[in-house]
Protein backbone atom coordinates (compact mmCIF):
# COMPACT_ATOMS: atom_id res chain seq x y z
CA UNK A 1 -11.73 4.90 4.50
CA UNK A 2 -8.09 6.09 4.68
CA UNK A 3 -5.66 4.84 2.11
CA UNK A 4 -1.97 5.49 1.72
CA UNK A 5 -0.31 4.59 -1.74
CA UNK A 6 3.41 4.33 -1.62
CA UNK A 7 4.49 4.25 -5.15
CA UNK A 8 7.77 5.74 -6.67
CA UNK A 9 6.06 6.36 -10.03
CA UNK A 10 3.89 9.38 -9.21
CA UNK A 11 1.76 8.95 -12.43
CA UNK A 12 0.93 5.31 -11.60
CA UNK A 13 0.17 6.50 -7.89
CA UNK A 14 -2.00 9.30 -9.22
CA UNK A 15 -4.01 6.78 -11.37
CA UNK A 16 -4.67 4.49 -8.35
CA UNK A 17 -5.48 7.44 -6.19
CA UNK A 18 -8.09 8.88 -8.83
CA UNK A 19 -9.88 5.46 -8.83
CA UNK A 20 -9.96 5.02 -5.15
CA UNK A 21 -11.30 8.66 -4.66
CA UNK A 22 -14.05 8.10 -7.22
CA UNK A 23 -15.25 5.12 -4.76
CA UNK A 24 -15.12 7.35 -1.78
CA UNK A 25 -11.68 6.74 -0.16
CA UNK A 26 -9.59 9.47 1.34
CA UNK A 27 -6.21 8.95 -0.28
CA UNK A 28 -2.70 10.18 0.43
CA UNK A 29 0.16 9.62 -1.88
CA UNK A 30 3.84 9.07 -1.00
CA UNK A 31 6.65 8.60 -3.35
CA UNK A 32 9.41 7.75 -0.73
CA UNK A 33 10.10 5.71 2.49
CA UNK A 34 10.26 9.18 4.44
CA UNK A 35 7.05 10.40 3.14
CA UNK A 36 5.09 7.35 4.01
CA UNK A 37 6.48 7.09 7.38
CA UNK A 38 5.54 10.75 7.97
CA UNK A 39 1.92 10.08 6.64
CA UNK A 40 1.70 7.06 8.95
CA UNK A 41 2.80 9.08 11.88
CA UNK A 42 0.12 11.63 11.26
CA UNK A 43 -2.99 9.88 10.01
CA UNK A 44 -4.98 6.66 10.82
CA UNK A 45 -4.58 4.63 7.74
CA UNK A 46 -6.76 1.66 6.97
CA UNK A 47 -4.97 0.36 4.02
CA UNK A 48 -1.44 0.89 2.60
CA UNK A 49 -0.75 0.03 -0.98
CA UNK A 50 2.98 -0.36 -1.09
CA UNK A 51 5.42 -0.88 -4.01
CA UNK A 52 7.88 -3.46 -3.07
CA UNK A 53 10.49 -1.70 -5.10
CA UNK A 54 10.72 1.92 -3.88
CA UNK A 55 13.24 4.14 -5.60
CA UNK A 56 14.08 6.17 -2.38
CA UNK A 57 13.85 3.87 0.83
CA UNK A 58 12.62 0.53 1.63
CA UNK A 59 9.13 -0.96 1.36
CA UNK A 60 9.92 -3.28 4.27
CA UNK A 61 10.82 -0.22 6.47
CA UNK A 62 7.42 1.27 5.61
CA UNK A 63 5.55 -2.16 6.33
CA UNK A 64 7.32 -2.62 9.64
CA UNK A 65 6.63 1.00 10.69
CA UNK A 66 3.13 0.43 9.93
CA UNK A 67 2.94 -2.81 11.81
CA UNK A 68 4.40 -0.98 14.80
CA UNK A 69 2.44 2.48 14.86
CA UNK A 70 -0.76 1.27 13.27
CA UNK A 71 -1.07 -2.43 13.93
CA UNK A 72 -4.41 -2.62 12.47
CA UNK A 73 -3.41 -1.37 9.01
CA UNK A 74 -3.37 -3.79 6.14
CA UNK A 75 -0.80 -3.64 3.48
CA UNK A 76 -1.36 -4.59 -0.12
CA UNK A 77 2.02 -5.06 -1.71
CA UNK A 78 2.25 -4.48 -5.30
CA UNK A 79 5.35 -5.06 -7.57
CA UNK A 80 6.44 -5.52 -11.19
CA UNK A 81 9.08 -8.13 -10.28
CA UNK A 82 8.92 -11.85 -9.48
CA UNK A 83 10.23 -11.27 -5.86
CA UNK A 84 8.12 -13.11 -3.42
CA UNK A 85 6.04 -14.71 -6.17
CA UNK A 86 6.12 -17.81 -3.99
CA UNK A 87 3.88 -16.06 -1.30
CA UNK A 88 6.74 -15.64 1.31
CA UNK A 89 5.85 -11.88 1.67
CA UNK A 90 3.23 -12.98 4.06
CA UNK A 91 5.97 -14.73 6.34
CA UNK A 92 8.10 -11.54 6.31
CA UNK A 93 5.25 -9.08 6.84
CA UNK A 94 2.61 -9.66 9.50
CA UNK A 95 0.43 -6.91 8.12
CA UNK A 96 0.45 -8.15 4.39
CA UNK A 97 -2.88 -8.95 3.25
CA UNK A 98 -2.56 -9.17 -0.51
CA UNK A 99 0.25 -9.34 -3.21
CA UNK A 100 -0.35 -8.05 -6.80
CA UNK A 101 1.42 -7.23 -9.89
CA UNK A 102 1.70 -3.44 -10.61
CA UNK A 103 -0.20 -3.93 -13.90
CA UNK A 104 -3.32 -5.15 -11.97
CA UNK A 105 -6.39 -3.26 -13.29
CA UNK A 106 -7.18 -0.38 -10.98
CA UNK A 107 -10.77 -1.57 -10.59
CA UNK A 108 -9.33 -4.73 -9.21
CA UNK A 109 -7.06 -2.78 -6.93
CA UNK A 110 -10.19 -0.83 -5.60
CA UNK A 111 -11.91 -4.02 -4.91
CA UNK A 112 -9.15 -5.37 -2.75
CA UNK A 113 -8.71 -2.12 -0.74
CA UNK A 114 -12.67 -2.13 -0.20
CA UNK A 115 -12.39 -5.59 1.20
CA UNK A 116 -9.38 -5.37 3.47
CA UNK A 117 -10.21 -1.77 4.42
CA UNK A 118 -13.70 -2.81 5.37
CA UNK A 119 -12.53 -5.89 7.25
CA UNK A 120 -10.72 -3.81 9.59
């Protein structure tokens, strides 16, 4: 399974990547919108783990590009804010499949990726 993590905090992205790699996923890490879009243009991605608050760029631009370029790709949004805590993210992004807090246990994130990645 190919997973793209889009997380501005490189250490957090690396932590998630290590957990996913231990479970057999092929994982790429992007810290900016432009890096993420470049990865989506070059790779078939099953699941994107996407932080809603990117320091460089827009999470919605990444999600929209994934929806256009890779329509079967599922997006798991993560955030450390209360934005979209009402579930409206699923109205705004057709490829959204989950919405998690950034501090979610890495094992739980792996389970979500496996579930949605295998559902493709």
